[in-house]
Amino acid sequence: MNRIKEVLKDKGISQTWLAEKTGKSYNSINEYARNVRQPSVEDLYKIAGILNISVKELLVENE
């Protein structure tokens, strides 16, 4: 499971914006956000870079 949906909400960023920045379809980002499908490791790093956070923050809830 990932925390993409929560991170986007916290940062006030839309899934559409993230789709444009990653070059992925909106449907792919939406499936990642709903944990229907998981992004590849490469895509996790790309998403983390775009959101200016660590990959760990996408995967593990802050303690």
PDB file of N, CA and C in Angstrom:
ATOM      1  N   MET A   1       0.829  -1.191   0.000  1.00  0.00           N
ATOM      2  CA  MET A   1       0.000   0.000   0.000  1.00  0.00           C
ATOM      3  C   MET A   1       0.871   1.251   0.000  1.00  0.00           C
ATOM      4  N   ASN A   2       0.311   2.306  -0.578  1.00  0.00           N
ATOM      5  CA  ASN A   2       1.043   3.567  -0.597  1.00  0.00           C
ATOM      6  C   ASN A   2       0.161   4.674  -0.035  1.00  0.00           C
ATOM      7  N   ARG A   3       0.764   5.831   0.147  1.00  0.00           N
ATOM      8  CA  ARG A   3       0.077   6.979   0.745  1.00  0.00           C
ATOM      9  C   ARG A   3      -0.083   8.134  -0.243  1.00  0.00           C
ATOM     10  N   ILE A   4      -0.088   7.828  -1.524  1.00  0.00           N
ATOM     11  CA  ILE A   4      -0.141   8.881  -2.536  1.00  0.00           C
ATOM     12  C   ILE A   4      -1.366   9.774  -2.325  1.00  0.00           C
ATOM     13  N   LYS A   5      -2.514   9.176  -2.095  1.00  0.00           N
ATOM     14  CA  LYS A   5      -3.740   9.961  -1.919  1.00  0.00           C
ATOM     15  C   LYS A   5      -3.614  10.931  -0.751  1.00  0.00           C
ATOM     16  N   GLU A   6      -3.092  10.445   0.378  1.00  0.00           N
ATOM     17  CA  GLU A   6      -2.957  11.294   1.564  1.00  0.00           C
ATOM     18  C   GLU A   6      -1.950  12.424   1.339  1.00  0.00           C
ATOM     19  N   VAL A   7      -0.847  12.104   0.683  1.00  0.00           N
ATOM     20  CA  VAL A   7       0.178  13.122   0.427  1.00  0.00           C
ATOM     21  C   VAL A   7      -0.367  14.203  -0.503  1.00  0.00           C
ATOM     22  N   LEU A   8      -1.071  13.792  -1.557  1.00  0.00           N
ATOM     23  CA  LEU A   8      -1.657  14.775  -2.468  1.00  0.00           C
ATOM     24  C   LEU A   8      -2.643  15.675  -1.724  1.00  0.00           C
ATOM     25  N   LYS A   9      -3.467  15.085  -0.881  1.00  0.00           N
ATOM     26  CA  LYS A   9      -4.440  15.874  -0.112  1.00  0.00           C
ATOM     27  C   LYS A   9      -3.730  16.858   0.813  1.00  0.00           C
ATOM     28  N   ASP A  10      -2.704  16.378   1.538  1.00  0.00           N
ATOM     29  CA  ASP A  10      -1.957  17.240   2.454  1.00  0.00           C
ATOM     30  C   ASP A  10      -1.310  18.415   1.734  1.00  0.00           C
ATOM     31  N   LYS A  11      -0.843  18.179   0.509  1.00  0.00           N
ATOM     32  CA  LYS A  11      -0.152  19.220  -0.241  1.00  0.00           C
ATOM     33  C   LYS A  11      -1.095  20.045  -1.118  1.00  0.00           C
ATOM     34  N   GLY A  12      -2.370  19.655  -1.165  1.00  0.00           N
ATOM     35  CA  GLY A  12      -3.331  20.387  -1.986  1.00  0.00           C
ATOM     36  C   GLY A  12      -3.080  20.222  -3.468  1.00  0.00           C
ATOM     37  N   ILE A  13      -2.629  19.049  -3.867  1.00  0.00           N
ATOM     38  CA  ILE A  13      -2.291  18.767  -5.262  1.00  0.00           C
ATOM     39  C   ILE A  13      -3.288  17.773  -5.827  1.00  0.00           C
ATOM     40  N   SER A  14      -3.701  18.007  -7.059  1.00  0.00           N
ATOM     41  CA  SER A  14      -4.678  17.115  -7.681  1.00  0.00           C
ATOM     42  C   SER A  14      -3.996  15.927  -8.360  1.00  0.00           C
ATOM     43  N   GLN A  15      -4.761  14.879  -8.520  1.00  0.00           N
ATOM     44  CA  GLN A  15      -4.264  13.713  -9.243  1.00  0.00           C
ATOM     45  C   GLN A  15      -4.010  14.063 -10.704  1.00  0.00           C
ATOM     46  N   THR A  16      -4.809  14.956 -11.262  1.00  0.00           N
ATOM     47  CA  THR A  16      -4.626  15.392 -12.650  1.00  0.00           C
ATOM     48  C   THR A  16      -3.269  16.071 -12.810  1.00  0.00           C
ATOM     49  N   TRP A  17      -2.915  16.939 -11.880  1.00  0.00           N
ATOM     50  CA  TRP A  17      -1.623  17.624 -11.925  1.00  0.00           C
ATOM     51  C   TRP A  17      -0.482  16.616 -11.861  1.00  0.00           C
ATOM     52  N   LEU A  18      -0.585  15.658 -10.944  1.00  0.00           N
ATOM     53  CA  LEU A  18       0.462  14.645 -10.806  1.00  0.00           C
ATOM     54  C   LEU A  18       0.567  13.805 -12.069  1.00  0.00           C
ATOM     55  N   ALA A  19      -0.556  13.486 -12.677  1.00  0.00           N
ATOM     56  CA  ALA A  19      -0.545  12.722 -13.925  1.00  0.00           C
ATOM     57  C   ALA A  19       0.212  13.482 -15.010  1.00  0.00           C
ATOM     58  N   GLU A  20      -0.040  14.780 -15.110  1.00  0.00           N
ATOM     59  CA  GLU A  20       0.651  15.600 -16.109  1.00  0.00           C
ATOM     60  C   GLU A  20       2.150  15.642 -15.849  1.00  0.00           C
ATOM     61  N   LYS A  21       2.533  15.810 -14.593  1.00  0.00           N
ATOM     62  CA  LYS A  21       3.957  15.919 -14.244  1.00  0.00           C
ATOM     63  C   LYS A  21       4.711  14.604 -14.420  1.00  0.00           C
ATOM     64  N   THR A  22       4.035  13.480 -14.206  1.00  0.00           N
ATOM     65  CA  THR A  22       4.700  12.180 -14.313  1.00  0.00           C
ATOM     66  C   THR A  22       4.639  11.613 -15.725  1.00  0.00           C
ATOM     67  N   GLY A  23       3.738  12.152 -16.549  1.00  0.00           N
ATOM     68  CA  GLY A  23       3.550  11.594 -17.881  1.00  0.00           C
ATOM     69  C   GLY A  23       2.706  10.326 -17.864  1.00  0.00           C
ATOM     70  N   LYS A  24       2.057  10.078 -16.732  1.00  0.00           N
ATOM     71  CA  LYS A  24       1.166   8.922 -16.591  1.00  0.00           C
ATOM     72  C   LYS A  24      -0.261   9.375 -16.873  1.00  0.00           C
ATOM     73  N   SER A  25      -1.126   8.429 -17.168  1.00  0.00           N
ATOM     74  CA  SER A  25      -2.529   8.770 -17.372  1.00  0.00           C
ATOM     75  C   SER A  25      -3.176   9.074 -16.028  1.00  0.00           C
ATOM     76  N   TYR A  26      -4.270   9.842 -16.083  1.00  0.00           N
ATOM     77  CA  TYR A  26      -5.027  10.114 -14.867  1.00  0.00           C
ATOM     78  C   TYR A  26      -5.490   8.798 -14.252  1.00  0.00           C
ATOM     79  N   ASN A  27      -5.916   7.860 -15.087  1.00  0.00           N
ATOM     80  CA  ASN A  27      -6.408   6.574 -14.573  1.00  0.00           C
ATOM     81  C   ASN A  27      -5.330   5.837 -13.795  1.00  0.00           C
ATOM     82  N   SER A  28      -4.097   5.878 -14.278  1.00  0.00           N
ATOM     83  CA  SER A  28      -2.998   5.215 -13.554  1.00  0.00           C
ATOM     84  C   SER A  28      -2.787   5.854 -12.197  1.00  0.00           C
ATOM     85  N   ILE A  29      -2.716   7.179 -12.158  1.00  0.00           N
ATOM     86  CA  ILE A  29      -2.510   7.884 -10.888  1.00  0.00           C
ATOM     87  C   ILE A  29      -3.676   7.608  -9.949  1.00  0.00           C
ATOM     88  N   ASN A  30      -4.897   7.599 -10.475  1.00  0.00           N
ATOM     89  CA  ASN A  30      -6.072   7.326  -9.656  1.00  0.00           C
ATOM     90  C   ASN A  30      -6.020   5.911  -9.076  1.00  0.00           C
ATOM     91  N   GLU A  31      -5.581   4.953  -9.864  1.00  0.00           N
ATOM     92  CA  GLU A  31      -5.456   3.579  -9.361  1.00  0.00           C
ATOM     93  C   GLU A  31      -4.372   3.485  -8.295  1.00  0.00           C
ATOM     94  N   TYR A  32      -3.274   4.213  -8.481  1.00  0.00           N
ATOM     95  CA  TYR A  32      -2.231   4.247  -7.445  1.00  0.00           C
ATOM     96  C   TYR A  32      -2.805   4.847  -6.156  1.00  0.00           C
ATOM     97  N   ALA A  33      -3.517   5.970  -6.292  1.00  0.00           N
ATOM     98  CA  ALA A  33      -4.049   6.678  -5.127  1.00  0.00           C
ATOM     99  C   ALA A  33      -5.074   5.834  -4.372  1.00  0.00           C
ATOM    100  N   ARG A  34      -5.816   5.016  -5.098  1.00  0.00           N
ATOM    101  CA  ARG A  34      -6.824   4.166  -4.451  1.00  0.00           C
ATOM    102  C   ARG A  34      -6.248   2.810  -4.041  1.00  0.00           C
ATOM    103  N   ASN A  35      -4.968   2.603  -4.280  1.00  0.00           N
ATOM    104  CA  ASN A  35      -4.291   1.344  -3.966  1.00  0.00           C
ATOM    105  C   ASN A  35      -4.906   0.147  -4.687  1.00  0.00           C
ATOM    106  N   VAL A  36      -5.472   0.414  -5.864  1.00  0.00           N
ATOM    107  CA  VAL A  36      -5.973  -0.659  -6.721  1.00  0.00           C
ATOM    108  C   VAL A  36      -4.787  -1.310  -7.425  1.00  0.00           C
ATOM    109  N   ARG A  37      -3.810  -0.478  -7.737  1.00  0.00           N
ATOM    110  CA  ARG A  37      -2.593  -0.902  -8.424  1.00  0.00           C
ATOM    111  C   ARG A  37      -1.428  -0.155  -7.789  1.00  0.00           C
ATOM    112  N   GLN A  38      -0.277  -0.794  -7.750  1.00  0.00           N
ATOM    113  CA  GLN A  38       0.895  -0.161  -7.147  1.00  0.00           C
ATOM    114  C   GLN A  38       1.862   0.314  -8.229  1.00  0.00           C
ATOM    115  N   PRO A  39       2.442   1.497  -8.034  1.00  0.00           N
ATOM    116  CA  PRO A  39       3.430   1.992  -8.999  1.00  0.00           C
ATOM    117  C   PRO A  39       4.716   1.179  -8.910  1.00  0.00           C
ATOM    118  N   SER A  40       5.456   1.185 -10.003  1.00  0.00           N
ATOM    119  CA  SER A  40       6.767   0.539  -9.998  1.00  0.00           C
ATOM    120  C   SER A  40       7.698   1.322  -9.082  1.00  0.00           C
ATOM    121  N   VAL A  41       8.808   0.730  -8.746  1.00  0.00           N
ATOM    122  CA  VAL A  41       9.799   1.417  -7.907  1.00  0.00           C
ATOM    123  C   VAL A  41      10.268   2.689  -8.617  1.00  0.00           C
ATOM    124  N   GLU A  42      10.494   2.603  -9.912  1.00  0.00           N
ATOM    125  CA  GLU A  42      10.908   3.791 -10.674  1.00  0.00           C
ATOM    126  C   GLU A  42       9.859   4.898 -10.570  1.00  0.00           C
ATOM    127  N   ASP A  43       8.589   4.511 -10.705  1.00  0.00           N
ATOM    128  CA  ASP A  43       7.524   5.513 -10.620  1.00  0.00           C
ATOM    129  C   ASP A  43       7.394   6.087  -9.220  1.00  0.00           C
ATOM    130  N   LEU A  44       7.616   5.265  -8.201  1.00  0.00           N
ATOM    131  CA  LEU A  44       7.602   5.779  -6.828  1.00  0.00           C
ATOM    132  C   LEU A  44       8.656   6.862  -6.642  1.00  0.00           C
ATOM    133  N   TYR A  45       9.864   6.606  -7.154  1.00  0.00           N
ATOM    134  CA  TYR A  45      10.932   7.609  -7.051  1.00  0.00           C
ATOM    135  C   TYR A  45      10.583   8.870  -7.838  1.00  0.00           C
ATOM    136  N   LYS A  46       9.988   8.696  -9.008  1.00  0.00           N
ATOM    137  CA  LYS A  46       9.605   9.846  -9.823  1.00  0.00           C
ATOM    138  C   LYS A  46       8.538  10.678  -9.104  1.00  0.00           C
ATOM    139  N   ILE A  47       7.521  10.003  -8.566  1.00  0.00           N
ATOM    140  CA  ILE A  47       6.450  10.696  -7.844  1.00  0.00           C
ATOM    141  C   ILE A  47       7.003  11.402  -6.606  1.00  0.00           C
ATOM    142  N   ALA A  48       7.846  10.715  -5.866  1.00  0.00           N
ATOM    143  CA  ALA A  48       8.446  11.320  -4.667  1.00  0.00           C
ATOM    144  C   ALA A  48       9.252  12.562  -5.040  1.00  0.00           C
ATOM    145  N   GLY A  49      10.015  12.479  -6.109  1.00  0.00           N
ATOM    146  CA  GLY A  49      10.807  13.631  -6.556  1.00  0.00           C
ATOM    147  C   GLY A  49       9.932  14.809  -6.931  1.00  0.00           C
ATOM    148  N   ILE A  50       8.879  14.546  -7.655  1.00  0.00           N
ATOM    149  CA  ILE A  50       7.950  15.607  -8.072  1.00  0.00           C
ATOM    150  C   ILE A  50       7.276  16.243  -6.856  1.00  0.00           C
ATOM    151  N   LEU A  51       6.934  15.417  -5.869  1.00  0.00           N
ATOM    152  CA  LEU A  51       6.272  15.926  -4.667  1.00  0.00           C
ATOM    153  C   LEU A  51       7.260  16.443  -3.625  1.00  0.00           C
ATOM    154  N   ASN A  52       8.538  16.322  -3.923  1.00  0.00           N
ATOM    155  CA  ASN A  52       9.599  16.807  -3.038  1.00  0.00           C
ATOM    156  C   ASN A  52       9.544  16.144  -1.659  1.00  0.00           C
ATOM    157  N   ILE A  53       9.366  14.824  -1.656  1.00  0.00           N
ATOM    158  CA  ILE A  53       9.366  14.043  -0.433  1.00  0.00           C
ATOM    159  C   ILE A  53      10.182  12.774  -0.666  1.00  0.00           C
ATOM    160  N   SER A  54      10.431  12.038   0.384  1.00  0.00           N
ATOM    161  CA  SER A  54      11.163  10.777   0.240  1.00  0.00           C
ATOM    162  C   SER A  54      10.195   9.657  -0.148  1.00  0.00           C
ATOM    163  N   VAL A  55      10.726   8.632  -0.762  1.00  0.00           N
ATOM    164  CA  VAL A  55       9.915   7.465  -1.098  1.00  0.00           C
ATOM    165  C   VAL A  55       9.315   6.872   0.176  1.00  0.00           C
ATOM    166  N   LYS A  56      10.081   6.905   1.243  1.00  0.00           N
ATOM    167  CA  LYS A  56       9.590   6.376   2.523  1.00  0.00           C
ATOM    168  C   LYS A  56       8.296   7.068   2.937  1.00  0.00           C
ATOM    169  N   GLU A  57       8.215   8.373   2.709  1.00  0.00           N
ATOM    170  CA  GLU A  57       6.999   9.122   3.070  1.00  0.00           C
ATOM    171  C   GLU A  57       5.795   8.700   2.243  1.00  0.00           C
ATOM    172  N   LEU A  58       6.040   8.149   1.037  1.00  0.00           N
ATOM    173  CA  LEU A  58       4.945   7.640   0.225  1.00  0.00           C
ATOM    174  C   LEU A  58       4.469   6.276   0.694  1.00  0.00           C
ATOM    175  N   LEU A  59       5.317   5.602   1.437  1.00  0.00           N
ATOM    176  CA  LEU A  59       5.012   4.225   1.826  1.00  0.00           C
ATOM    177  C   LEU A  59       4.674   4.043   3.290  1.00  0.00           C
ATOM    178  N   VAL A  60       5.227   4.889   4.150  1.00  0.00           N
ATOM    179  CA  VAL A  60       5.075   4.704   5.596  1.00  0.00           C
ATOM    180  C   VAL A  60       4.471   5.962   6.200  1.00  0.00           C
ATOM    181  N   GLU A  61       3.444   5.768   6.995  1.00  0.00           N
ATOM    182  CA  GLU A  61       2.819   6.897   7.673  1.00  0.00           C
ATOM    183  C   GLU A  61       3.802   7.475   8.696  1.00  0.00           C
ATOM    184  N   ASN A  62       3.855   8.786   8.777  1.00  0.00           N
ATOM    185  CA  ASN A  62       4.730   9.446   9.737  1.00  0.00           C
ATOM    186  C   ASN A  62       4.355   9.029  11.149  1.00  0.00           C
ATOM    187  N   GLU A  63       5.358   8.793  11.950  1.00  0.00           N
ATOM    188  CA  GLU A  63       5.109   8.358  13.326  1.00  0.00           C
ATOM    189  C   GLU A  63       4.970   9.535  14.254  1.00  0.00           C
TER     190      GLU A  63
END
